[in-house]
Amino acid sequence: MIGPRPLAGAGHKAPAYPVHAGKAPRDGLVPVDFLATSGSLVDLAAFARIGPFRADYFIDAVDLEWCFRAWARGYSCWMAPEAGLAHHVGSGTIRGPFGLAMPRQPLFRMATYLRNSAYGLRLPHLPAGWKLRQGLYLPVQVLLYWRDAGYRPRVLSRLLAALRDGLMGRLGPPRDLP
């Protein structure tokens, strides 16, 4: 897959695509662990061998899981820094300490992201380093989101249920989808 560099809209945080270790840039392209499928080109023969995007993920981390699966099967994902595409999630940015920032998004969407990220911890093709970083970052995101939502107990309950669902492998469309 080859995709554009994400550009942040006003008041939004652009996603960051980690450079894939052990692979050098080539022909102006940067190897990345994952990138958004928006605006990306996918080799159809490789897609047939890697498999489709996970429908049970529903919306969040679909491209992340697919790119890690591609790398695990000997394929790769590349970012074209010269090509930019505005990409943002939600209605703004939640800011935390130490420069942390995450998208402000509807509760069902945040819960789906948390669920799919927690489920990703179970997948053998997701790298141990990513799992460690996510395992440390997810609780921080829960706390930042909960703080941004005014510490409402219902919000914390929904987020914790999403993490539980991911760890238990309960995927699919969220029950609170608008």
N, C-alpha and C. Protein backbone atom coordinates (compact mmCIF):
# COMPACT_ATOMS: atom_id res chain seq x y z
N MET A 1 0.85 -1.16 0.00
CA MET A 1 0.00 0.00 0.00
C MET A 1 0.90 1.23 0.00
N ILE A 2 0.49 2.23 -0.74
CA ILE A 2 1.15 3.52 -0.74
C ILE A 2 0.08 4.57 -0.45
N GLY A 3 0.36 5.42 0.54
CA GLY A 3 -0.64 6.42 0.91
C GLY A 3 -0.02 7.77 1.18
N PRO A 4 -0.85 8.81 1.24
CA PRO A 4 -0.37 10.18 1.45
C PRO A 4 -0.01 10.47 2.90
N ARG A 5 0.75 11.53 3.08
CA ARG A 5 1.07 12.06 4.41
C ARG A 5 -0.18 12.74 4.94
N PRO A 6 -0.56 12.45 6.19
CA PRO A 6 -1.77 13.08 6.73
C PRO A 6 -1.52 14.55 7.08
N LEU A 7 -2.47 15.37 6.76
CA LEU A 7 -2.43 16.79 7.10
C LEU A 7 -3.53 17.07 8.12
N ALA A 8 -3.21 17.85 9.11
CA ALA A 8 -4.20 18.18 10.15
C ALA A 8 -5.06 19.34 9.70
N GLY A 9 -6.35 19.23 9.95
CA GLY A 9 -7.25 20.36 9.74
C GLY A 9 -7.14 21.29 10.94
N ALA A 10 -7.70 22.48 10.83
CA ALA A 10 -7.66 23.45 11.93
C ALA A 10 -8.26 22.85 13.19
N GLY A 11 -7.53 22.89 14.28
CA GLY A 11 -8.00 22.38 15.56
C GLY A 11 -7.92 20.87 15.71
N HIS A 12 -7.31 20.20 14.75
CA HIS A 12 -7.21 18.75 14.78
C HIS A 12 -5.76 18.30 14.84
N LYS A 13 -5.58 17.10 15.29
CA LYS A 13 -4.26 16.46 15.34
C LYS A 13 -4.21 15.45 14.19
N ALA A 14 -3.20 15.57 13.36
CA ALA A 14 -3.03 14.59 12.28
C ALA A 14 -2.49 13.29 12.86
N PRO A 15 -2.89 12.16 12.31
CA PRO A 15 -2.32 10.90 12.79
C PRO A 15 -0.82 10.85 12.48
N ALA A 16 -0.10 10.12 13.28
CA ALA A 16 1.33 9.92 13.05
C ALA A 16 1.55 8.49 12.60
N TYR A 17 2.35 8.31 11.59
CA TYR A 17 2.65 6.98 11.08
C TYR A 17 4.09 6.64 11.44
N PRO A 18 4.30 5.70 12.35
CA PRO A 18 5.67 5.34 12.74
C PRO A 18 6.45 4.74 11.58
N VAL A 19 7.69 5.18 11.44
CA VAL A 19 8.57 4.63 10.41
C VAL A 19 8.84 3.16 10.73
N HIS A 20 8.77 2.32 9.72
CA HIS A 20 9.00 0.89 9.92
C HIS A 20 10.50 0.62 10.08
N ALA A 21 10.86 0.04 11.21
CA ALA A 21 12.27 -0.22 11.53
C ALA A 21 12.85 -1.24 10.55
N GLY A 22 14.10 -1.00 10.19
CA GLY A 22 14.83 -1.97 9.36
C GLY A 22 14.57 -1.87 7.88
N LYS A 23 13.81 -0.88 7.45
CA LYS A 23 13.51 -0.70 6.03
C LYS A 23 13.85 0.73 5.67
N ALA A 24 14.67 0.91 4.65
CA ALA A 24 15.12 2.24 4.25
C ALA A 24 14.11 2.91 3.31
N PRO A 25 14.02 4.24 3.36
CA PRO A 25 13.19 4.95 2.37
C PRO A 25 13.67 4.62 0.96
N ARG A 26 12.73 4.70 0.03
CA ARG A 26 13.07 4.35 -1.35
C ARG A 26 12.23 5.17 -2.31
N ASP A 27 12.86 5.73 -3.30
CA ASP A 27 12.18 6.48 -4.35
C ASP A 27 11.24 7.55 -3.79
N GLY A 28 11.67 8.22 -2.73
CA GLY A 28 10.88 9.29 -2.13
C GLY A 28 9.77 8.80 -1.23
N LEU A 29 9.68 7.50 -1.00
CA LEU A 29 8.65 6.93 -0.14
C LEU A 29 9.25 6.50 1.19
N VAL A 30 8.46 6.60 2.25
CA VAL A 30 8.91 6.25 3.60
C VAL A 30 8.16 5.00 4.05
N PRO A 31 8.90 3.95 4.47
CA PRO A 31 8.22 2.76 4.98
C PRO A 31 7.61 3.06 6.35
N VAL A 32 6.35 2.76 6.52
CA VAL A 32 5.67 3.04 7.78
C VAL A 32 4.98 1.76 8.28
N ASP A 33 4.85 1.68 9.60
CA ASP A 33 4.18 0.51 10.19
C ASP A 33 2.75 0.40 9.67
N PHE A 34 2.08 1.55 9.57
CA PHE A 34 0.69 1.57 9.10
C PHE A 34 0.37 2.96 8.61
N LEU A 35 -0.70 3.08 7.85
CA LEU A 35 -1.21 4.37 7.41
C LEU A 35 -2.69 4.23 7.08
N ALA A 36 -3.38 5.34 7.03
CA ALA A 36 -4.81 5.32 6.73
C ALA A 36 -5.03 4.89 5.29
N THR A 37 -6.10 4.17 5.08
CA THR A 37 -6.42 3.74 3.72
C THR A 37 -7.00 4.88 2.89
N SER A 38 -7.43 5.95 3.52
CA SER A 38 -7.97 7.10 2.79
C SER A 38 -6.91 7.63 1.82
N GLY A 39 -7.25 7.64 0.56
CA GLY A 39 -6.34 8.16 -0.45
C GLY A 39 -5.19 7.23 -0.79
N SER A 40 -5.20 6.02 -0.30
CA SER A 40 -4.10 5.08 -0.54
C SER A 40 -4.35 4.20 -1.76
N LEU A 41 -3.27 3.72 -2.30
CA LEU A 41 -3.31 2.78 -3.42
C LEU A 41 -2.90 1.41 -2.89
N VAL A 42 -3.68 0.40 -3.21
CA VAL A 42 -3.40 -0.95 -2.75
C VAL A 42 -3.21 -1.84 -3.96
N ASP A 43 -2.11 -2.59 -3.96
CA ASP A 43 -1.86 -3.56 -5.02
C ASP A 43 -2.89 -4.68 -4.88
N LEU A 44 -3.71 -4.89 -5.89
CA LEU A 44 -4.81 -5.86 -5.78
C LEU A 44 -4.32 -7.30 -5.65
N ALA A 45 -3.20 -7.64 -6.30
CA ALA A 45 -2.67 -9.00 -6.15
C ALA A 45 -2.20 -9.22 -4.71
N ALA A 46 -1.54 -8.21 -4.13
CA ALA A 46 -1.11 -8.32 -2.73
C ALA A 46 -2.33 -8.38 -1.81
N PHE A 47 -3.33 -7.57 -2.11
CA PHE A 47 -4.55 -7.56 -1.30
C PHE A 47 -5.20 -8.95 -1.28
N ALA A 48 -5.19 -9.61 -2.42
CA ALA A 48 -5.77 -10.96 -2.49
C ALA A 48 -5.01 -11.93 -1.60
N ARG A 49 -3.68 -11.78 -1.50
CA ARG A 49 -2.87 -12.68 -0.67
C ARG A 49 -2.90 -12.29 0.82
N ILE A 50 -2.98 -11.01 1.10
CA ILE A 50 -3.01 -10.54 2.50
C ILE A 50 -4.39 -10.77 3.10
N GLY A 51 -5.41 -10.56 2.29
CA GLY A 51 -6.78 -10.70 2.75
C GLY A 51 -7.44 -9.35 2.89
N PRO A 52 -8.76 -9.35 3.05
CA PRO A 52 -9.50 -8.09 3.13
C PRO A 52 -9.32 -7.40 4.48
N PHE A 53 -9.78 -6.17 4.53
CA PHE A 53 -9.83 -5.45 5.79
C PHE A 53 -10.87 -6.13 6.69
N ARG A 54 -10.66 -6.09 7.97
CA ARG A 54 -11.55 -6.77 8.92
C ARG A 54 -12.88 -6.04 9.04
N ALA A 55 -13.95 -6.67 8.65
CA ALA A 55 -15.28 -6.09 8.79
C ALA A 55 -15.69 -6.03 10.26
N ASP A 56 -15.21 -6.97 11.08
CA ASP A 56 -15.61 -6.99 12.49
C ASP A 56 -14.98 -5.87 13.29
N TYR A 57 -13.95 -5.22 12.75
CA TYR A 57 -13.38 -4.04 13.42
C TYR A 57 -14.32 -2.85 13.29
N PHE A 58 -15.16 -2.89 12.32
CA PHE A 58 -16.17 -1.89 12.04
C PHE A 58 -15.60 -0.59 11.51
N ILE A 59 -14.76 0.14 12.26
CA ILE A 59 -14.31 1.43 11.74
C ILE A 59 -12.88 1.78 12.15
N ASP A 60 -12.51 1.59 13.38
CA ASP A 60 -11.22 2.07 13.87
C ASP A 60 -10.15 0.99 13.89
N ALA A 61 -8.94 1.37 13.48
CA ALA A 61 -7.76 0.51 13.46
C ALA A 61 -7.83 -0.57 12.38
N VAL A 62 -8.76 -0.44 11.47
CA VAL A 62 -8.88 -1.40 10.37
C VAL A 62 -7.61 -1.38 9.53
N ASP A 63 -7.16 -0.19 9.17
CA ASP A 63 -5.97 -0.06 8.33
C ASP A 63 -4.70 -0.42 9.10
N LEU A 64 -4.65 -0.12 10.37
CA LEU A 64 -3.50 -0.47 11.21
C LEU A 64 -3.32 -1.99 11.24
N GLU A 65 -4.40 -2.71 11.54
CA GLU A 65 -4.32 -4.17 11.60
C GLU A 65 -3.93 -4.74 10.24
N TRP A 66 -4.49 -4.21 9.16
CA TRP A 66 -4.20 -4.73 7.83
C TRP A 66 -2.73 -4.49 7.46
N CYS A 67 -2.20 -3.32 7.75
CA CYS A 67 -0.80 -3.05 7.43
C CYS A 67 0.15 -3.95 8.22
N PHE A 68 -0.13 -4.16 9.50
CA PHE A 68 0.72 -5.08 10.26
C PHE A 68 0.61 -6.50 9.70
N ARG A 69 -0.57 -6.87 9.25
CA ARG A 69 -0.74 -8.19 8.62
C ARG A 69 0.06 -8.25 7.32
N ALA A 70 0.06 -7.16 6.56
CA ALA A 70 0.83 -7.10 5.32
C ALA A 70 2.33 -7.27 5.60
N TRP A 71 2.85 -6.51 6.57
CA TRP A 71 4.26 -6.63 6.92
C TRP A 71 4.59 -8.06 7.36
N ALA A 72 3.72 -8.67 8.15
CA ALA A 72 3.96 -10.02 8.65
C ALA A 72 3.98 -11.05 7.52
N ARG A 73 3.32 -10.74 6.42
CA ARG A 73 3.26 -11.67 5.28
C ARG A 73 4.24 -11.29 4.17
N GLY A 74 5.19 -10.40 4.48
CA GLY A 74 6.23 -10.07 3.52
C GLY A 74 5.89 -8.91 2.59
N TYR A 75 4.82 -8.20 2.84
CA TYR A 75 4.44 -7.04 2.04
C TYR A 75 4.75 -5.79 2.84
N SER A 76 4.40 -4.63 2.32
CA SER A 76 4.81 -3.40 3.00
C SER A 76 3.82 -2.27 2.77
N CYS A 77 3.96 -1.23 3.61
CA CYS A 77 3.12 -0.03 3.53
C CYS A 77 4.06 1.18 3.50
N TRP A 78 3.78 2.10 2.59
CA TRP A 78 4.66 3.23 2.36
C TRP A 78 3.88 4.53 2.35
N MET A 79 4.50 5.57 2.89
CA MET A 79 3.90 6.89 2.87
C MET A 79 4.62 7.74 1.82
N ALA A 80 3.83 8.46 1.04
CA ALA A 80 4.38 9.40 0.05
C ALA A 80 4.33 10.79 0.68
N PRO A 81 5.45 11.27 1.27
CA PRO A 81 5.42 12.56 1.98
C PRO A 81 5.10 13.75 1.08
N GLU A 82 5.35 13.63 -0.21
CA GLU A 82 5.07 14.72 -1.14
C GLU A 82 3.58 14.88 -1.40
N ALA A 83 2.81 13.83 -1.13
CA ALA A 83 1.36 13.88 -1.34
C ALA A 83 0.69 13.99 0.02
N GLY A 84 -0.06 15.05 0.23
CA GLY A 84 -0.74 15.24 1.50
C GLY A 84 -2.25 15.13 1.35
N LEU A 85 -2.88 14.66 2.39
CA LEU A 85 -4.33 14.55 2.40
C LEU A 85 -4.83 14.91 3.79
N ALA A 86 -5.76 15.85 3.86
CA ALA A 86 -6.32 16.22 5.16
C ALA A 86 -7.02 15.01 5.75
N HIS A 87 -6.66 14.70 6.98
CA HIS A 87 -7.23 13.53 7.65
C HIS A 87 -7.41 13.87 9.12
N HIS A 88 -8.63 13.80 9.59
CA HIS A 88 -8.86 14.01 11.00
C HIS A 88 -10.08 13.23 11.45
N VAL A 89 -10.11 12.99 12.73
CA VAL A 89 -11.20 12.25 13.35
C VAL A 89 -11.85 13.18 14.36
N GLY A 90 -13.16 13.18 14.40
CA GLY A 90 -13.87 13.90 15.44
C GLY A 90 -14.01 15.39 15.22
N SER A 91 -14.21 16.07 16.35
CA SER A 91 -14.54 17.49 16.30
C SER A 91 -13.48 18.38 16.92
N GLY A 92 -12.29 17.88 17.07
CA GLY A 92 -11.23 18.69 17.65
C GLY A 92 -10.21 17.82 18.35
N THR A 93 -9.51 18.42 19.30
CA THR A 93 -8.40 17.72 19.95
C THR A 93 -8.53 17.84 21.46
N ILE A 94 -8.30 16.73 22.14
CA ILE A 94 -8.21 16.71 23.59
C ILE A 94 -6.72 16.78 23.92
N ARG A 95 -6.34 17.72 24.73
CA ARG A 95 -4.93 17.89 25.09
C ARG A 95 -4.70 17.42 26.51
N GLY A 96 -3.56 16.77 26.69
CA GLY A 96 -3.18 16.28 28.00
C GLY A 96 -1.81 16.79 28.38
N PRO A 97 -1.26 16.30 29.47
CA PRO A 97 0.07 16.72 29.89
C PRO A 97 1.15 16.20 28.95
N PHE A 98 2.31 16.81 29.02
CA PHE A 98 3.50 16.37 28.27
C PHE A 98 3.28 16.37 26.76
N GLY A 99 2.42 17.25 26.27
CA GLY A 99 2.19 17.35 24.84
C GLY A 99 1.28 16.27 24.27
N LEU A 100 0.68 15.44 25.11
CA LEU A 100 -0.24 14.41 24.61
C LEU A 100 -1.45 15.07 23.96
N ALA A 101 -1.90 14.50 22.87
CA ALA A 101 -3.08 14.99 22.18
C ALA A 101 -3.78 13.81 21.52
N MET A 102 -5.09 13.84 21.53
CA MET A 102 -5.88 12.79 20.90
C MET A 102 -7.16 13.40 20.34
N PRO A 103 -7.80 12.74 19.40
CA PRO A 103 -9.02 13.30 18.82
C PRO A 103 -10.17 13.36 19.81
N ARG A 104 -10.94 14.42 19.73
CA ARG A 104 -12.20 14.51 20.47
C ARG A 104 -13.25 13.94 19.52
N GLN A 105 -13.87 12.86 19.92
CA GLN A 105 -14.80 12.17 19.04
C GLN A 105 -15.99 11.65 19.83
N PRO A 106 -17.05 11.24 19.14
CA PRO A 106 -18.22 10.71 19.85
C PRO A 106 -17.84 9.48 20.68
N LEU A 107 -18.61 9.26 21.73
CA LEU A 107 -18.31 8.16 22.65
C LEU A 107 -18.29 6.81 21.95
N PHE A 108 -19.23 6.54 21.04
CA PHE A 108 -19.24 5.24 20.37
C PHE A 108 -17.96 5.03 19.57
N ARG A 109 -17.44 6.11 19.00
CA ARG A 109 -16.24 6.01 18.17
C ARG A 109 -15.00 5.78 19.04
N MET A 110 -14.90 6.49 20.15
CA MET A 110 -13.79 6.27 21.08
C MET A 110 -13.83 4.86 21.63
N ALA A 111 -15.01 4.39 21.97
CA ALA A 111 -15.16 3.04 22.50
C ALA A 111 -14.75 2.00 21.46
N THR A 112 -15.10 2.22 20.21
CA THR A 112 -14.72 1.28 19.15
C THR A 112 -13.20 1.26 18.98
N TYR A 113 -12.58 2.43 19.01
CA TYR A 113 -11.12 2.51 18.93
C TYR A 113 -10.48 1.73 20.08
N LEU A 114 -10.97 1.95 21.31
CA LEU A 114 -10.40 1.26 22.46
C LEU A 114 -10.59 -0.25 22.35
N ARG A 115 -11.78 -0.66 21.96
CA ARG A 115 -12.08 -2.09 21.81
C ARG A 115 -11.15 -2.74 20.79
N ASN A 116 -11.02 -2.12 19.63
CA ASN A 116 -10.19 -2.70 18.57
C ASN A 116 -8.71 -2.69 18.95
N SER A 117 -8.27 -1.65 19.64
CA SER A 117 -6.88 -1.59 20.09
C SER A 117 -6.62 -2.68 21.12
N ALA A 118 -7.56 -2.89 22.04
CA ALA A 118 -7.41 -3.95 23.04
C ALA A 118 -7.40 -5.31 22.37
N TYR A 119 -8.26 -5.50 21.38
CA TYR A 119 -8.26 -6.78 20.66
C TYR A 119 -6.94 -7.00 19.93
N GLY A 120 -6.37 -5.92 19.41
CA GLY A 120 -5.09 -6.03 18.72
C GLY A 120 -3.98 -6.59 19.60
N LEU A 121 -4.10 -6.41 20.91
CA LEU A 121 -3.09 -6.96 21.82
C LEU A 121 -3.07 -8.49 21.76
N ARG A 122 -4.15 -9.09 21.27
CA ARG A 122 -4.26 -10.55 21.17
C ARG A 122 -3.69 -11.10 19.86
N LEU A 123 -3.48 -10.26 18.88
CA LEU A 123 -3.11 -10.73 17.54
C LEU A 123 -1.61 -10.98 17.42
N PRO A 124 -1.22 -12.14 16.92
CA PRO A 124 0.21 -12.47 16.85
C PRO A 124 1.00 -11.63 15.84
N HIS A 125 0.35 -11.08 14.82
CA HIS A 125 1.08 -10.32 13.80
C HIS A 125 1.28 -8.85 14.18
N LEU A 126 0.72 -8.40 15.29
CA LEU A 126 1.01 -7.05 15.75
C LEU A 126 2.27 -7.09 16.60
N PRO A 127 3.24 -6.24 16.30
CA PRO A 127 4.55 -6.30 16.98
C PRO A 127 4.47 -6.04 18.48
N ALA A 128 5.36 -6.67 19.20
CA ALA A 128 5.41 -6.54 20.66
C ALA A 128 5.60 -5.09 21.09
N GLY A 129 6.43 -4.33 20.39
CA GLY A 129 6.65 -2.93 20.72
C GLY A 129 5.38 -2.11 20.61
N TRP A 130 4.60 -2.35 19.57
CA TRP A 130 3.33 -1.64 19.41
C TRP A 130 2.39 -2.02 20.55
N LYS A 131 2.33 -3.31 20.87
CA LYS A 131 1.46 -3.76 21.96
C LYS A 131 1.84 -3.11 23.28
N LEU A 132 3.14 -3.01 23.54
CA LEU A 132 3.59 -2.38 24.79
C LEU A 132 3.19 -0.91 24.83
N ARG A 133 3.44 -0.18 23.74
CA ARG A 133 3.08 1.24 23.70
C ARG A 133 1.56 1.43 23.86
N GLN A 134 0.78 0.61 23.17
CA GLN A 134 -0.67 0.72 23.28
C GLN A 134 -1.14 0.36 24.68
N GLY A 135 -0.54 -0.68 25.26
CA GLY A 135 -0.92 -1.08 26.61
C GLY A 135 -0.69 0.03 27.62
N LEU A 136 0.32 0.85 27.39
CA LEU A 136 0.59 1.99 28.28
C LEU A 136 -0.26 3.21 27.92
N TYR A 137 -0.54 3.38 26.64
CA TYR A 137 -1.23 4.58 26.17
C TYR A 137 -2.75 4.50 26.34
N LEU A 138 -3.33 3.32 26.20
CA LEU A 138 -4.79 3.21 26.28
C LEU A 138 -5.35 3.72 27.61
N PRO A 139 -4.78 3.35 28.77
CA PRO A 139 -5.32 3.91 30.02
C PRO A 139 -5.22 5.43 30.08
N VAL A 140 -4.16 5.99 29.51
CA VAL A 140 -4.01 7.45 29.48
C VAL A 140 -5.12 8.06 28.63
N GLN A 141 -5.40 7.44 27.49
CA GLN A 141 -6.46 7.95 26.63
C GLN A 141 -7.82 7.87 27.32
N VAL A 142 -8.06 6.77 28.03
CA VAL A 142 -9.32 6.64 28.77
C VAL A 142 -9.46 7.80 29.75
N LEU A 143 -8.41 8.07 30.51
CA LEU A 143 -8.47 9.13 31.51
C LEU A 143 -8.63 10.51 30.87
N LEU A 144 -7.92 10.77 29.76
CA LEU A 144 -8.06 12.05 29.09
C LEU A 144 -9.48 12.24 28.54
N TYR A 145 -10.02 11.21 27.94
CA TYR A 145 -11.36 11.29 27.38
C TYR A 145 -12.38 11.50 28.49
N TRP A 146 -12.23 10.74 29.58
CA TRP A 146 -13.15 10.84 30.71
C TRP A 146 -13.10 12.24 31.32
N ARG A 147 -11.89 12.77 31.47
CA ARG A 147 -11.75 14.14 31.98
C ARG A 147 -12.45 15.13 31.07
N ASP A 148 -12.24 14.97 29.74
CA ASP A 148 -12.85 15.86 28.76
C ASP A 148 -14.38 15.77 28.79
N ALA A 149 -14.90 14.61 29.18
CA ALA A 149 -16.35 14.39 29.26
C ALA A 149 -16.93 14.79 30.61
N GLY A 150 -16.14 15.46 31.44
CA GLY A 150 -16.63 15.93 32.72
C GLY A 150 -16.70 14.86 33.79
N TYR A 151 -15.89 13.81 33.66
CA TYR A 151 -15.84 12.73 34.65
C TYR A 151 -17.20 12.07 34.88
N ARG A 152 -17.98 11.97 33.82
CA ARG A 152 -19.30 11.33 33.95
C ARG A 152 -19.12 9.81 34.09
N PRO A 153 -19.71 9.21 35.11
CA PRO A 153 -19.56 7.76 35.34
C PRO A 153 -20.00 6.91 34.14
N ARG A 154 -21.05 7.33 33.45
CA ARG A 154 -21.55 6.57 32.29
C ARG A 154 -20.48 6.48 31.20
N VAL A 155 -19.72 7.55 31.02
CA VAL A 155 -18.66 7.56 30.01
C VAL A 155 -17.55 6.59 30.39
N LEU A 156 -17.10 6.64 31.63
CA LEU A 156 -16.05 5.72 32.08
C LEU A 156 -16.53 4.28 31.97
N SER A 157 -17.75 4.01 32.33
CA SER A 157 -18.31 2.67 32.25
C SER A 157 -18.29 2.16 30.80
N ARG A 158 -18.67 3.02 29.86
CA ARG A 158 -18.69 2.63 28.43
C ARG A 158 -17.28 2.35 27.93
N LEU A 159 -16.32 3.18 28.32
CA LEU A 159 -14.94 2.98 27.87
C LEU A 159 -14.34 1.70 28.45
N LEU A 160 -14.58 1.44 29.71
CA LEU A 160 -14.06 0.21 30.33
C LEU A 160 -14.73 -1.02 29.75
N ALA A 161 -16.02 -0.94 29.43
CA ALA A 161 -16.71 -2.05 28.79
C ALA A 161 -16.11 -2.32 27.40
N ALA A 162 -15.74 -1.26 26.70
CA ALA A 162 -15.12 -1.42 25.38
C ALA A 162 -13.78 -2.14 25.49
N LEU A 163 -12.97 -1.75 26.46
CA LEU A 163 -11.69 -2.44 26.67
C LEU A 163 -11.92 -3.92 26.98
N ARG A 164 -12.88 -4.21 27.85
CA ARG A 164 -13.22 -5.60 28.19
C ARG A 164 -13.66 -6.36 26.94
N ASP A 165 -14.53 -5.75 26.13
CA ASP A 165 -15.01 -6.41 24.92
C ASP A 165 -13.85 -6.74 23.98
N GLY A 166 -12.90 -5.82 23.84
CA GLY A 166 -11.75 -6.08 22.99
C GLY A 166 -10.90 -7.23 23.50
N LEU A 167 -10.63 -7.24 24.78
CA LEU A 167 -9.83 -8.32 25.36
C LEU A 167 -10.53 -9.66 25.26
N MET A 168 -11.87 -9.64 25.24
CA MET A 168 -12.65 -10.88 25.14
C MET A 168 -12.98 -11.25 23.70
N GLY A 169 -12.59 -10.40 22.75
CA GLY A 169 -12.82 -10.71 21.34
C GLY A 169 -14.23 -10.42 20.86
N ARG A 170 -14.94 -9.56 21.53
CA ARG A 170 -16.31 -9.18 21.10
C ARG A 170 -16.20 -7.98 20.17
N LEU A 171 -16.33 -8.23 18.88
CA LEU A 171 -16.18 -7.18 17.88
C LEU A 171 -17.50 -6.96 17.14
N GLY A 172 -17.45 -6.22 16.05
CA GLY A 172 -18.64 -5.93 15.27
C GLY A 172 -19.12 -4.51 15.50
N PRO A 173 -20.23 -4.15 14.85
CA PRO A 173 -20.76 -2.78 15.03
C PRO A 173 -21.07 -2.51 16.50
N PRO A 174 -20.73 -1.33 16.99
CA PRO A 174 -21.03 -1.02 18.40
C PRO A 174 -22.53 -0.92 18.64
N ARG A 175 -22.94 -1.32 19.83
CA ARG A 175 -24.36 -1.33 20.16
C ARG A 175 -24.95 0.08 20.27
N ASP A 176 -24.09 1.08 20.50
CA ASP A 176 -24.58 2.46 20.63
C ASP A 176 -24.31 3.29 19.39
N LEU A 177 -24.18 2.63 18.25
CA LEU A 177 -23.97 3.32 16.98
C LEU A 177 -25.18 4.21 16.68
N PRO A 178 -24.95 5.51 16.41
CA PRO A 178 -26.10 6.39 16.12
C PRO A 178 -26.78 6.01 14.82
